[in-house]
Amino acid sequence: MCLGIPGRIVRIEDAARKLAVAEVAGVQRRVNLACTPDAGVGDWVLIHVGFAMARLDERQAAETLQILKELGEAL
């Protein structure tokens, strides 16, 4: 089973290598944008093992984060 977590891109670190920094639940992590070359600062992306796999709109990101929070509380 794979899990993707929504994160918002806060800065591009190395455009040539397609590396950016995304904030996920208050924590900043380096992500690779090779699979989402059109993503930029301020965009929400679905992150899996350090790769931004897809762009999300803000509503999708908020819904996904809420579901993950509820799952965490249920466990």
C-alpha atoms as a PDB file:
ATOM      1  CA  MET A   1       0.000   0.000   0.000  1.00  0.00           C
ATOM      2  CA  CYS A   2       1.308   3.439  -0.913  1.00  0.00           C
ATOM      3  CA  LEU A   3       0.567   6.654   0.893  1.00  0.00           C
ATOM      4  CA  GLY A   4       0.863  10.140  -0.531  1.00  0.00           C
ATOM      5  CA  ILE A   5       0.846  13.176   1.743  1.00  0.00           C
ATOM      6  CA  PRO A   6      -0.177  16.664   0.582  1.00  0.00           C
ATOM      7  CA  GLY A   7       2.463  19.370   0.910  1.00  0.00           C
ATOM      8  CA  ARG A   8       2.782  22.957  -0.283  1.00  0.00           C
ATOM      9  CA  ILE A   9       5.900  23.990  -2.188  1.00  0.00           C
ATOM     10  CA  VAL A  10       7.622  26.830  -0.311  1.00  0.00           C
ATOM     11  CA  ARG A  11      10.718  27.303  -2.462  1.00  0.00           C
ATOM     12  CA  ILE A  12      12.669  25.920  -5.382  1.00  0.00           C
ATOM     13  CA  GLU A  13      16.168  24.923  -4.253  1.00  0.00           C
ATOM     14  CA  ASP A  14      17.680  23.739  -7.530  1.00  0.00           C
ATOM     15  CA  ALA A  15      15.624  24.209 -10.698  1.00  0.00           C
ATOM     16  CA  ALA A  16      18.116  22.319 -12.870  1.00  0.00           C
ATOM     17  CA  ARG A  17      17.895  19.232 -10.637  1.00  0.00           C
ATOM     18  CA  LYS A  18      14.132  19.756 -10.059  1.00  0.00           C
ATOM     19  CA  LEU A  19      14.532  20.011  -6.282  1.00  0.00           C
ATOM     20  CA  ALA A  20      12.178  22.004  -4.112  1.00  0.00           C
ATOM     21  CA  VAL A  21      11.217  22.319  -0.464  1.00  0.00           C
ATOM     22  CA  ALA A  22       7.645  21.537   0.531  1.00  0.00           C
ATOM     23  CA  GLU A  23       5.955  22.030   3.875  1.00  0.00           C
ATOM     24  CA  VAL A  24       4.060  19.037   5.200  1.00  0.00           C
ATOM     25  CA  ALA A  25       2.153  19.548   8.455  1.00  0.00           C
ATOM     26  CA  GLY A  26       4.579  22.252   9.568  1.00  0.00           C
ATOM     27  CA  VAL A  27       7.714  20.303   8.615  1.00  0.00           C
ATOM     28  CA  GLN A  28       9.801  21.261   5.596  1.00  0.00           C
ATOM     29  CA  ARG A  29      11.117  18.470   3.406  1.00  0.00           C
ATOM     30  CA  ARG A  30      13.082  18.346   0.173  1.00  0.00           C
ATOM     31  CA  VAL A  31      11.065  16.957  -2.731  1.00  0.00           C
ATOM     32  CA  ASN A  32      11.821  16.128  -6.325  1.00  0.00           C
ATOM     33  CA  LEU A  33       9.560  17.759  -8.941  1.00  0.00           C
ATOM     34  CA  ALA A  34      10.551  15.561 -11.897  1.00  0.00           C
ATOM     35  CA  CYS A  35       7.040  14.039 -12.064  1.00  0.00           C
ATOM     36  CA  THR A  36       5.353  17.450 -11.718  1.00  0.00           C
ATOM     37  CA  PRO A  37       7.481  19.835 -13.803  1.00  0.00           C
ATOM     38  CA  ASP A  38       4.710  22.460 -13.913  1.00  0.00           C
ATOM     39  CA  ALA A  39       4.520  22.741 -10.088  1.00  0.00           C
ATOM     40  CA  GLY A  40       5.865  25.902  -8.493  1.00  0.00           C
ATOM     41  CA  VAL A  41       6.031  27.852  -5.266  1.00  0.00           C
ATOM     42  CA  GLY A  42       2.646  27.929  -3.546  1.00  0.00           C
ATOM     43  CA  ASP A  43       1.306  24.835  -5.308  1.00  0.00           C
ATOM     44  CA  TRP A  44      -0.006  21.833  -3.399  1.00  0.00           C
ATOM     45  CA  VAL A  45       1.442  18.476  -4.442  1.00  0.00           C
ATOM     46  CA  LEU A  46       0.933  14.877  -3.404  1.00  0.00           C
ATOM     47  CA  ILE A  47       4.269  13.615  -2.061  1.00  0.00           C
ATOM     48  CA  HIS A  48       5.345   9.975  -1.985  1.00  0.00           C
ATOM     49  CA  VAL A  49       8.875   8.884  -0.963  1.00  0.00           C
ATOM     50  CA  GLY A  50      10.308  12.318  -1.688  1.00  0.00           C
ATOM     51  CA  PHE A  51       8.693  12.805  -5.089  1.00  0.00           C
ATOM     52  CA  ALA A  52       5.852  15.172  -5.895  1.00  0.00           C
ATOM     53  CA  MET A  53       3.610  12.767  -7.819  1.00  0.00           C
ATOM     54  CA  ALA A  54       0.693  15.066  -8.704  1.00  0.00           C
ATOM     55  CA  ARG A  55      -0.573  18.607  -8.256  1.00  0.00           C
ATOM     56  CA  LEU A  56      -3.597  19.125  -6.011  1.00  0.00           C
ATOM     57  CA  ASP A  57      -5.889  22.055  -5.562  1.00  0.00           C
ATOM     58  CA  GLU A  58      -6.167  23.519  -2.069  1.00  0.00           C
ATOM     59  CA  ARG A  59      -9.549  21.859  -1.439  1.00  0.00           C
ATOM     60  CA  GLN A  60      -8.199  18.394  -2.303  1.00  0.00           C
ATOM     61  CA  ALA A  61      -5.176  18.947  -0.076  1.00  0.00           C
ATOM     62  CA  ALA A  62      -7.330  20.092   2.863  1.00  0.00           C
ATOM     63  CA  GLU A  63      -9.696  17.122   2.504  1.00  0.00           C
ATOM     64  CA  THR A  64      -6.825  14.644   2.354  1.00  0.00           C
ATOM     65  CA  LEU A  65      -5.080  16.180   5.359  1.00  0.00           C
ATOM     66  CA  GLN A  66      -8.341  16.054   7.343  1.00  0.00           C
ATOM     67  CA  ILE A  67      -8.852  12.377   6.505  1.00  0.00           C
ATOM     68  CA  LEU A  68      -5.283  11.556   7.531  1.00  0.00           C
ATOM     69  CA  LYS A  69      -5.782  13.441  10.804  1.00  0.00           C
ATOM     70  CA  GLU A  70      -8.989  11.518  11.525  1.00  0.00           C
ATOM     71  CA  LEU A  71      -7.282   8.198  10.764  1.00  0.00           C
ATOM     72  CA  GLY A  72      -4.460   9.089  13.139  1.00  0.00           C
ATOM     73  CA  GLU A  73      -6.908   9.969  15.903  1.00  0.00           C
ATOM     74  CA  ALA A  74      -8.846   6.725  15.368  1.00  0.00           C
ATOM     75  CA  LEU A  75      -5.710   4.650  15.848  1.00  0.00           C
END
